[in-house]
Protein backbone atom coordinates (compact mmCIF):
# COMPACT_ATOMS: atom_id res chain seq x y z
CA MET A 1 -7.22 19.49 -0.19
CA SER A 2 -3.65 17.94 -0.67
CA ALA A 3 -3.40 14.18 1.24
CA THR A 4 0.35 15.07 2.19
CA PRO A 5 1.04 16.28 5.98
CA HIS A 6 1.89 20.19 5.93
CA THR A 7 5.93 20.47 7.57
CA GLU A 8 4.47 23.71 9.38
CA SER A 9 2.26 21.79 12.07
CA THR A 10 4.45 18.70 12.46
CA PRO A 11 6.66 19.06 14.99
CA SER A 12 10.42 18.47 13.95
CA GLY A 13 12.73 16.05 15.37
CA ARG A 14 14.73 18.93 17.16
CA ASN A 15 11.54 20.74 18.83
CA ILE A 16 10.65 16.64 20.38
CA LEU A 17 14.35 16.46 21.27
CA ASN A 18 14.45 19.90 22.81
CA VAL A 19 11.06 19.39 24.93
CA ALA A 20 12.30 15.91 26.17
CA LEU A 21 15.13 17.88 27.46
CA TRP A 22 13.25 20.49 29.17
CA ILE A 23 10.98 18.06 30.58
CA ALA A 24 14.12 15.95 31.71
CA GLN A 25 16.17 19.06 33.34
CA VAL A 26 13.17 19.96 35.41
CA LEU A 27 12.32 16.19 36.71
CA LEU A 28 15.78 16.10 37.61
CA CYS A 29 15.68 19.48 39.49
CA ILE A 30 12.94 18.64 41.11
CA ALA A 31 14.15 15.09 42.13
CA PHE A 32 17.59 16.10 43.13
CA ALA A 33 16.43 18.88 45.41
CA PHE A 34 13.99 16.84 47.09
CA ALA A 35 16.85 14.05 47.72
CA GLY A 36 19.35 16.81 48.85
CA LEU A 37 17.75 19.30 51.03
CA PRO A 38 17.39 16.57 53.42
CA LYS A 39 20.24 14.99 53.35
CA LEU A 40 21.29 18.96 54.67
CA THR A 41 19.00 20.11 56.74
CA LYS A 42 17.55 16.56 58.50
CA PRO A 43 18.96 15.55 61.79
CA LEU A 44 20.74 11.72 60.16
CA ALA A 45 18.79 9.79 62.42
CA ASP A 46 15.40 10.94 60.57
CA LEU A 47 16.70 9.75 57.27
CA ALA A 48 18.32 6.31 58.22
CA PRO A 49 14.96 4.49 58.26
CA ALA A 50 14.47 5.96 54.15
CA MET A 51 18.20 6.02 53.18
CA THR A 52 19.68 2.82 54.70
CA PHE A 53 23.20 4.20 53.26
CA VAL A 54 22.93 6.65 55.94
CA ALA A 55 23.61 3.67 58.75
CA TYR A 56 27.03 2.86 56.73
CA THR A 57 28.40 6.33 55.63
CA PRO A 58 30.34 9.13 57.82
CA PRO A 59 27.63 11.98 58.38
CA GLY A 60 29.90 14.66 56.32
CA LEU A 61 29.27 12.40 53.52
CA VAL A 62 25.90 12.61 53.69
CA ARG A 63 25.27 15.99 54.33
CA PHE A 64 28.12 16.14 51.32
CA ILE A 65 26.45 14.25 48.81
CA GLY A 66 23.16 16.68 49.61
CA LEU A 67 24.84 19.75 49.47
CA VAL A 68 26.21 18.01 46.14
CA GLU A 69 22.22 17.15 44.92
CA LEU A 70 21.31 20.36 45.83
CA LEU A 71 23.42 22.02 43.87
CA GLY A 72 23.19 19.84 41.00
CA ALA A 73 19.40 20.20 41.24
CA ILE A 74 19.95 23.82 40.41
CA GLY A 75 22.76 23.86 37.62
CA VAL A 76 21.11 21.20 35.97
CA LEU A 77 18.44 24.43 34.90
CA LEU A 78 19.00 27.07 36.20
CA PRO A 79 21.75 28.26 33.52
CA SER A 80 19.41 27.21 30.58
CA VAL A 81 16.42 28.91 31.66
CA THR A 82 18.49 32.24 32.49
CA ARG A 83 20.30 31.40 29.42
CA ILE A 84 23.71 32.66 31.41
CA LYS A 85 26.37 30.55 31.40
CA PRO A 86 24.17 27.81 29.85
CA TRP A 87 27.14 25.50 29.14
CA LEU A 88 26.93 24.66 32.68
CA SER A 89 23.55 22.91 32.62
CA PRO A 90 25.40 19.74 30.92
CA LEU A 91 28.08 19.85 33.25
CA ALA A 92 25.78 19.22 36.19
CA ALA A 93 23.82 16.90 34.40
CA LEU A 94 26.91 15.28 33.94
CA GLY A 95 28.14 15.55 37.83
CA LEU A 96 24.68 14.15 38.32
CA LEU A 97 25.26 11.44 36.47
CA THR A 98 28.31 10.50 38.26
CA VAL A 99 26.65 10.56 41.83
CA MET A 100 24.40 8.36 40.59
CA VAL A 101 27.01 5.64 39.20
CA LEU A 102 28.66 5.91 42.51
CA ALA A 103 25.09 5.42 44.25
CA THR A 104 24.34 2.13 42.20
CA ALA A 105 28.20 1.07 43.14
CA THR A 106 27.52 1.31 46.72
CA LEU A 107 24.02 -0.01 46.55
CA VAL A 108 25.27 -3.17 44.66
CA ALA A 109 27.78 -3.48 47.07
CA HIS A 110 26.02 -3.12 50.32
CA HIS A 111 23.65 -5.65 49.01
CA GLU A 112 20.63 -3.44 48.91
CA ALA A 113 17.64 -4.48 46.83
CA ALA A 114 16.49 -4.07 43.19
CA MET A 115 14.39 -1.49 43.97
CA MET A 116 16.58 0.50 45.88
CA ILE A 117 18.92 0.52 42.99
CA MET A 118 16.19 1.13 40.31
CA ALA A 119 16.39 4.76 41.56
CA PRO A 120 19.69 5.63 41.16
CA VAL A 121 19.83 4.44 37.65
CA ILE A 122 16.55 5.71 36.35
CA LEU A 123 18.11 9.25 37.53
CA GLY A 124 21.23 8.10 36.09
CA THR A 125 20.42 7.66 32.72
CA LEU A 126 18.22 11.18 32.57
CA ALA A 127 21.33 12.90 34.03
CA GLY A 128 23.34 11.32 30.83
CA PHE A 129 20.55 12.08 28.09
CA VAL A 130 20.33 16.21 29.49
CA ALA A 131 24.29 16.07 29.63
CA TRP A 132 24.27 14.89 25.69
CA GLY A 133 21.36 16.71 24.94
CA ARG A 134 22.43 20.14 26.28
CA GLY A 135 25.86 19.34 25.78
CA ARG A 136 26.01 18.45 22.05
CA ARG A 137 22.41 17.94 20.14
CA SER A 138 20.80 20.53 21.18
CA CYS A 139 22.45 23.16 22.98
CA ILE A 140 21.38 26.67 24.50
CA ALA A 141 22.37 29.95 23.62
CA PRO A 142 23.65 32.04 25.90
CA ARG A 143 21.39 35.15 26.40
CA PHE A 144 25.18 37.57 25.65
CA ALA A 145 26.61 37.26 22.70
CA ALA A 146 30.80 37.39 23.26
CA GLN A 147 31.51 40.74 22.16
CA PRO A 148 34.81 41.55 20.78
CA PRO A 149 37.51 43.84 22.43
CA VAL A 150 37.11 47.35 21.50
CA GLY A 151 40.51 49.28 20.54
């Protein structure tokens, strides 16, 4: 018996990164779907107790934020899962990061509690990780390779 570890059974750093990225993508999809859908469908008065920013944000902007969050939730996961234009997933993650930077700035400007600010910081960090990881380190190959023109 050899005392050296078997490289076949030891996951590589690349595999660990890929798994971490998939987990982050699923978490972002769930979080932003659950955050965006109510902003699109519920009366704003019902949102105000849980989402204090609704009180000082124009109604159209609240609905727009919900739409962006829902589209980001779909975009951060679906292109990677289907491998149809998977380069859209890091772009969606970058969009979600932008939303979280703006959310953090808004909450800080309105002197929200530190706990309110933690959610966008955590989600923004996850979105930045996915944008970096799927855009640079662990890209997903498209299902259909580009074919050269015939003739």
